[in-house]
Amino acid sequence: MVNSSPNYTHFSIIVKALFPNITSHGLRHSYASYFVDKGFDIYVLRDLLRHSSITETVDTYTHFYKD
């Protein structure tokens, strides 16, 4: 489902202008992965990403950083 709220629409326009080769989803993934790498609290990140479970956040964004 596409979000058509004003904030999302403005965000999409800005992303396309600044980063023409990256999607909003790609930017979201980069943002989340960066914060995981920097040790950001995974529970706070889950809330920011609006995931319903911590498992979704962990499975999606921590696999890049396993030792």
PDB file of N, CA and C in Angstrom:
ATOM      1  N   MET A   1       0.840  -1.179   0.000  1.00  0.00           N
ATOM      2  CA  MET A   1       0.000   0.000   0.000  1.00  0.00           C
ATOM      3  C   MET A   1       0.884   1.241   0.000  1.00  0.00           C
ATOM      4  N   VAL A   2       0.563   2.192  -0.817  1.00  0.00           N
ATOM      5  CA  VAL A   2       1.321   3.430  -0.917  1.00  0.00           C
ATOM      6  C   VAL A   2       0.776   4.423   0.087  1.00  0.00           C
ATOM      7  N   ASN A   3       1.684   5.054   0.813  1.00  0.00           N
ATOM      8  CA  ASN A   3       1.297   6.059   1.779  1.00  0.00           C
ATOM      9  C   ASN A   3       1.190   7.397   1.063  1.00  0.00           C
ATOM     10  N   SER A   4       0.061   8.063   1.157  1.00  0.00           N
ATOM     11  CA  SER A   4      -0.134   9.327   0.449  1.00  0.00           C
ATOM     12  C   SER A   4      -0.207  10.523   1.391  1.00  0.00           C
ATOM     13  N   SER A   5       0.287  10.374   2.617  1.00  0.00           N
ATOM     14  CA  SER A   5       0.253  11.492   3.552  1.00  0.00           C
ATOM     15  C   SER A   5       1.177  12.603   3.060  1.00  0.00           C
ATOM     16  N   PRO A   6       0.903  13.854   3.433  1.00  0.00           N
ATOM     17  CA  PRO A   6       1.755  14.963   2.986  1.00  0.00           C
ATOM     18  C   PRO A   6       3.230  14.784   3.359  1.00  0.00           C
ATOM     19  N   ASN A   7       3.495  14.301   4.560  1.00  0.00           N
ATOM     20  CA  ASN A   7       4.883  14.116   4.970  1.00  0.00           C
ATOM     21  C   ASN A   7       5.596  13.111   4.075  1.00  0.00           C
ATOM     22  N   TYR A   8       4.947  12.011   3.775  1.00  0.00           N
ATOM     23  CA  TYR A   8       5.555  10.988   2.922  1.00  0.00           C
ATOM     24  C   TYR A   8       5.756  11.528   1.513  1.00  0.00           C
ATOM     25  N   THR A   9       4.789  12.271   1.013  1.00  0.00           N
ATOM     26  CA  THR A   9       4.890  12.841  -0.332  1.00  0.00           C
ATOM     27  C   THR A   9       6.063  13.805  -0.418  1.00  0.00           C
ATOM     28  N   HIS A  10       6.206  14.684   0.556  1.00  0.00           N
ATOM     29  CA  HIS A  10       7.330  15.626   0.569  1.00  0.00           C
ATOM     30  C   HIS A  10       8.653  14.876   0.689  1.00  0.00           C
ATOM     31  N   PHE A  11       8.689  13.879   1.542  1.00  0.00           N
ATOM     32  CA  PHE A  11       9.898  13.080   1.710  1.00  0.00           C
ATOM     33  C   PHE A  11      10.290  12.423   0.391  1.00  0.00           C
ATOM     34  N   SER A  12       9.323  11.864  -0.316  1.00  0.00           N
ATOM     35  CA  SER A  12       9.601  11.204  -1.589  1.00  0.00           C
ATOM     36  C   SER A  12      10.159  12.175  -2.620  1.00  0.00           C
ATOM     37  N   ILE A  13       9.619  13.368  -2.680  1.00  0.00           N
ATOM     38  CA  ILE A  13      10.102  14.385  -3.620  1.00  0.00           C
ATOM     39  C   ILE A  13      11.539  14.771  -3.293  1.00  0.00           C
ATOM     40  N   ILE A  14      11.834  14.960  -2.023  1.00  0.00           N
ATOM     41  CA  ILE A  14      13.186  15.334  -1.602  1.00  0.00           C
ATOM     42  C   ILE A  14      14.165  14.216  -1.914  1.00  0.00           C
ATOM     43  N   VAL A  15      13.805  12.981  -1.600  1.00  0.00           N
ATOM     44  CA  VAL A  15      14.682  11.838  -1.888  1.00  0.00           C
ATOM     45  C   VAL A  15      14.981  11.760  -3.377  1.00  0.00           C
ATOM     46  N   LYS A  16      13.971  11.904  -4.208  1.00  0.00           N
ATOM     47  CA  LYS A  16      14.179  11.820  -5.662  1.00  0.00           C
ATOM     48  C   LYS A  16      15.064  12.950  -6.176  1.00  0.00           C
ATOM     49  N   ALA A  17      14.942  14.124  -5.570  1.00  0.00           N
ATOM     50  CA  ALA A  17      15.761  15.263  -6.001  1.00  0.00           C
ATOM     51  C   ALA A  17      17.219  15.103  -5.571  1.00  0.00           C
ATOM     52  N   LEU A  18      17.428  14.637  -4.358  1.00  0.00           N
ATOM     53  CA  LEU A  18      18.788  14.517  -3.829  1.00  0.00           C
ATOM     54  C   LEU A  18      19.481  13.226  -4.248  1.00  0.00           C
ATOM     55  N   PHE A  19      18.721  12.162  -4.356  1.00  0.00           N
ATOM     56  CA  PHE A  19      19.279  10.841  -4.659  1.00  0.00           C
ATOM     57  C   PHE A  19      18.471  10.191  -5.788  1.00  0.00           C
ATOM     58  N   PRO A  20      18.693  10.612  -7.017  1.00  0.00           N
ATOM     59  CA  PRO A  20      17.857  10.103  -8.107  1.00  0.00           C
ATOM     60  C   PRO A  20      17.986   8.600  -8.355  1.00  0.00           C
ATOM     61  N   ASN A  21      19.054   7.981  -7.883  1.00  0.00           N
ATOM     62  CA  ASN A  21      19.262   6.552  -8.141  1.00  0.00           C
ATOM     63  C   ASN A  21      18.922   5.666  -6.947  1.00  0.00           C
ATOM     64  N   ILE A  22      18.295   6.222  -5.918  1.00  0.00           N
ATOM     65  CA  ILE A  22      17.922   5.419  -4.748  1.00  0.00           C
ATOM     66  C   ILE A  22      16.437   5.619  -4.458  1.00  0.00           C
ATOM     67  N   THR A  23      15.785   4.549  -4.094  1.00  0.00           N
ATOM     68  CA  THR A  23      14.362   4.626  -3.767  1.00  0.00           C
ATOM     69  C   THR A  23      14.178   5.034  -2.310  1.00  0.00           C
ATOM     70  N   SER A  24      12.977   5.422  -1.960  1.00  0.00           N
ATOM     71  CA  SER A  24      12.681   5.741  -0.556  1.00  0.00           C
ATOM     72  C   SER A  24      12.947   4.527   0.320  1.00  0.00           C
ATOM     73  N   HIS A  25      12.590   3.344  -0.192  1.00  0.00           N
ATOM     74  CA  HIS A  25      12.823   2.120   0.568  1.00  0.00           C
ATOM     75  C   HIS A  25      14.325   1.869   0.744  1.00  0.00           C
ATOM     76  N   GLY A  26      15.095   2.128  -0.287  1.00  0.00           N
ATOM     77  CA  GLY A  26      16.546   1.961  -0.196  1.00  0.00           C
ATOM     78  C   GLY A  26      17.155   2.906   0.824  1.00  0.00           C
ATOM     79  N   LEU A  27      16.654   4.125   0.869  1.00  0.00           N
ATOM     80  CA  LEU A  27      17.134   5.088   1.852  1.00  0.00           C
ATOM     81  C   LEU A  27      16.753   4.653   3.264  1.00  0.00           C
ATOM     82  N   ARG A  28      15.557   4.145   3.430  1.00  0.00           N
ATOM     83  CA  ARG A  28      15.096   3.639   4.738  1.00  0.00           C
ATOM     84  C   ARG A  28      15.995   2.496   5.203  1.00  0.00           C
ATOM     85  N   HIS A  29      16.303   1.594   4.278  1.00  0.00           N
ATOM     86  CA  HIS A  29      17.146   0.449   4.615  1.00  0.00           C
ATOM     87  C   HIS A  29      18.559   0.910   4.995  1.00  0.00           C
ATOM     88  N   SER A  30      19.100   1.864   4.255  1.00  0.00           N
ATOM     89  CA  SER A  30      20.433   2.402   4.564  1.00  0.00           C
ATOM     90  C   SER A  30      20.441   3.069   5.934  1.00  0.00           C
ATOM     91  N   TYR A  31      19.412   3.852   6.214  1.00  0.00           N
ATOM     92  CA  TYR A  31      19.269   4.551   7.492  1.00  0.00           C
ATOM     93  C   TYR A  31      19.250   3.549   8.646  1.00  0.00           C
ATOM     94  N   ALA A  32      18.416   2.538   8.525  1.00  0.00           N
ATOM     95  CA  ALA A  32      18.294   1.546   9.594  1.00  0.00           C
ATOM     96  C   ALA A  32      19.577   0.742   9.755  1.00  0.00           C
ATOM     97  N   SER A  33      20.176   0.333   8.656  1.00  0.00           N
ATOM     98  CA  SER A  33      21.412  -0.450   8.719  1.00  0.00           C
ATOM     99  C   SER A  33      22.542   0.353   9.347  1.00  0.00           C
ATOM    100  N   TYR A  34      22.616   1.636   9.011  1.00  0.00           N
ATOM    101  CA  TYR A  34      23.640   2.512   9.591  1.00  0.00           C
ATOM    102  C   TYR A  34      23.500   2.564  11.109  1.00  0.00           C
ATOM    103  N   PHE A  35      22.279   2.765  11.601  1.00  0.00           N
ATOM    104  CA  PHE A  35      22.076   2.864  13.039  1.00  0.00           C
ATOM    105  C   PHE A  35      22.328   1.538  13.756  1.00  0.00           C
ATOM    106  N   VAL A  36      22.013   0.439  13.117  1.00  0.00           N
ATOM    107  CA  VAL A  36      22.342  -0.873  13.703  1.00  0.00           C
ATOM    108  C   VAL A  36      23.857  -0.992  13.837  1.00  0.00           C
ATOM    109  N   ASP A  37      24.577  -0.618  12.793  1.00  0.00           N
ATOM    110  CA  ASP A  37      26.039  -0.696  12.786  1.00  0.00           C
ATOM    111  C   ASP A  37      26.655   0.168  13.879  1.00  0.00           C
ATOM    112  N   LYS A  38      26.024   1.290  14.190  1.00  0.00           N
ATOM    113  CA  LYS A  38      26.544   2.214  15.209  1.00  0.00           C
ATOM    114  C   LYS A  38      26.089   1.865  16.622  1.00  0.00           C
ATOM    115  N   GLY A  39      25.371   0.750  16.767  1.00  0.00           N
ATOM    116  CA  GLY A  39      24.967   0.300  18.100  1.00  0.00           C
ATOM    117  C   GLY A  39      23.713   0.960  18.638  1.00  0.00           C
ATOM    118  N   PHE A  40      22.917   1.540  17.774  1.00  0.00           N
ATOM    119  CA  PHE A  40      21.666   2.182  18.181  1.00  0.00           C
ATOM    120  C   PHE A  40      20.744   1.155  18.823  1.00  0.00           C
ATOM    121  N   ASP A  41      19.997   1.550  19.818  1.00  0.00           N
ATOM    122  CA  ASP A  41      19.071   0.657  20.513  1.00  0.00           C
ATOM    123  C   ASP A  41      18.067   0.069  19.518  1.00  0.00           C
ATOM    124  N   ILE A  42      18.105  -1.232  19.355  1.00  0.00           N
ATOM    125  CA  ILE A  42      17.284  -1.918  18.356  1.00  0.00           C
ATOM    126  C   ILE A  42      15.791  -1.773  18.648  1.00  0.00           C
ATOM    127  N   TYR A  43      15.427  -1.624  19.909  1.00  0.00           N
ATOM    128  CA  TYR A  43      14.015  -1.455  20.265  1.00  0.00           C
ATOM    129  C   TYR A  43      13.516  -0.065  19.867  1.00  0.00           C
ATOM    130  N   VAL A  44      14.356   0.928  20.000  1.00  0.00           N
ATOM    131  CA  VAL A  44      13.994   2.278  19.560  1.00  0.00           C
ATOM    132  C   VAL A  44      13.886   2.294  18.031  1.00  0.00           C
ATOM    133  N   LEU A  45      14.830   1.640  17.372  1.00  0.00           N
ATOM    134  CA  LEU A  45      14.799   1.560  15.915  1.00  0.00           C
ATOM    135  C   LEU A  45      13.525   0.860  15.440  1.00  0.00           C
ATOM    136  N   ARG A  46      13.138  -0.210  16.124  1.00  0.00           N
ATOM    137  CA  ARG A  46      11.889  -0.902  15.781  1.00  0.00           C
ATOM    138  C   ARG A  46      10.709   0.067  15.828  1.00  0.00           C
ATOM    139  N   ASP A  47      10.660   0.897  16.858  1.00  0.00           N
ATOM    140  CA  ASP A  47       9.567   1.867  16.981  1.00  0.00           C
ATOM    141  C   ASP A  47       9.625   2.922  15.873  1.00  0.00           C
ATOM    142  N   LEU A  48      10.818   3.398  15.559  1.00  0.00           N
ATOM    143  CA  LEU A  48      10.969   4.396  14.505  1.00  0.00           C
ATOM    144  C   LEU A  48      10.546   3.852  13.140  1.00  0.00           C
ATOM    145  N   LEU A  49      10.839   2.563  12.918  1.00  0.00           N
ATOM    146  CA  LEU A  49      10.492   1.933  11.648  1.00  0.00           C
ATOM    147  C   LEU A  49       9.048   1.425  11.625  1.00  0.00           C
ATOM    148  N   ARG A  50       8.399   1.491  12.783  1.00  0.00           N
ATOM    149  CA  ARG A  50       7.013   1.037  12.943  1.00  0.00           C
ATOM    150  C   ARG A  50       6.840  -0.447  12.641  1.00  0.00           C
ATOM    151  N   HIS A  51       7.838  -1.230  13.034  1.00  0.00           N
ATOM    152  CA  HIS A  51       7.707  -2.681  12.901  1.00  0.00           C
ATOM    153  C   HIS A  51       6.858  -3.203  14.049  1.00  0.00           C
ATOM    154  N   SER A  52       6.084  -4.244  13.776  1.00  0.00           N
ATOM    155  CA  SER A  52       5.214  -4.798  14.813  1.00  0.00           C
ATOM    156  C   SER A  52       5.975  -5.706  15.767  1.00  0.00           C
ATOM    157  N   SER A  53       7.126  -6.227  15.327  1.00  0.00           N
ATOM    158  CA  SER A  53       7.893  -7.106  16.213  1.00  0.00           C
ATOM    159  C   SER A  53       9.385  -6.808  16.081  1.00  0.00           C
ATOM    160  N   ILE A  54      10.105  -7.075  17.135  1.00  0.00           N
ATOM    161  CA  ILE A  54      11.555  -6.883  17.128  1.00  0.00           C
ATOM    162  C   ILE A  54      12.212  -7.862  16.165  1.00  0.00           C
ATOM    163  N   THR A  55      11.602  -9.015  15.966  1.00  0.00           N
ATOM    164  CA  THR A  55      12.150 -10.018  15.051  1.00  0.00           C
ATOM    165  C   THR A  55      12.247  -9.473  13.634  1.00  0.00           C
ATOM    166  N   GLU A  56      11.240  -8.759  13.209  1.00  0.00           N
ATOM    167  CA  GLU A  56      11.259  -8.170  11.865  1.00  0.00           C
ATOM    168  C   GLU A  56      12.440  -7.206  11.714  1.00  0.00           C
ATOM    169  N   THR A  57      12.666  -6.379  12.712  1.00  0.00           N
ATOM    170  CA  THR A  57      13.774  -5.424  12.673  1.00  0.00           C
ATOM    171  C   THR A  57      15.110  -6.146  12.676  1.00  0.00           C
ATOM    172  N   VAL A  58      15.269  -7.093  13.582  1.00  0.00           N
ATOM    173  CA  VAL A  58      16.540  -7.817  13.705  1.00  0.00           C
ATOM    174  C   VAL A  58      16.835  -8.619  12.434  1.00  0.00           C
ATOM    175  N   ASP A  59      15.862  -9.346  11.956  1.00  0.00           N
ATOM    176  CA  ASP A  59      16.073 -10.176  10.764  1.00  0.00           C
ATOM    177  C   ASP A  59      16.385  -9.348   9.524  1.00  0.00           C
ATOM    178  N   THR A  60      15.800  -8.178   9.421  1.00  0.00           N
ATOM    179  CA  THR A  60      15.964  -7.356   8.230  1.00  0.00           C
ATOM    180  C   THR A  60      17.255  -6.549   8.240  1.00  0.00           C
ATOM    181  N   TYR A  61      17.664  -6.043   9.410  1.00  0.00           N
ATOM    182  CA  TYR A  61      18.748  -5.057   9.431  1.00  0.00           C
ATOM    183  C   TYR A  61      20.036  -5.481  10.114  1.00  0.00           C
ATOM    184  N   THR A  62      20.064  -6.626  10.769  1.00  0.00           N
ATOM    185  CA  THR A  62      21.312  -7.010  11.446  1.00  0.00           C
ATOM    186  C   THR A  62      22.111  -8.052  10.693  1.00  0.00           C
ATOM    187  N   HIS A  63      21.559  -8.658   9.652  1.00  0.00           N
ATOM    188  CA  HIS A  63      22.291  -9.726   8.958  1.00  0.00           C
ATOM    189  C   HIS A  63      23.555  -9.207   8.268  1.00  0.00           C
ATOM    190  N   PHE A  64      23.651  -7.914   8.020  1.00  0.00           N
ATOM    191  CA  PHE A  64      24.848  -7.361   7.386  1.00  0.00           C
ATOM    192  C   PHE A  64      26.039  -7.322   8.331  1.00  0.00           C
ATOM    193  N   TYR A  65      25.770  -7.346   9.631  1.00  0.00           N
ATOM    194  CA  TYR A  65      26.822  -7.079  10.605  1.00  0.00           C
ATOM    195  C   TYR A  65      27.183  -8.263  11.485  1.00  0.00           C
ATOM    196  N   LYS A  66      26.799  -9.451  11.094  1.00  0.00           N
ATOM    197  CA  LYS A  66      27.165 -10.627  11.883  1.00  0.00           C
ATOM    198  C   LYS A  66      28.655 -10.872  11.723  1.00  0.00           C
ATOM    199  N   ASP A  67      29.301 -11.197  12.839  1.00  0.00           N
ATOM    200  CA  ASP A  67      30.745 -11.466  12.818  1.00  0.00           C
ATOM    201  C   ASP A  67      31.040 -12.826  12.241  1.00  0.00           C
TER     202      ASP A  67
END
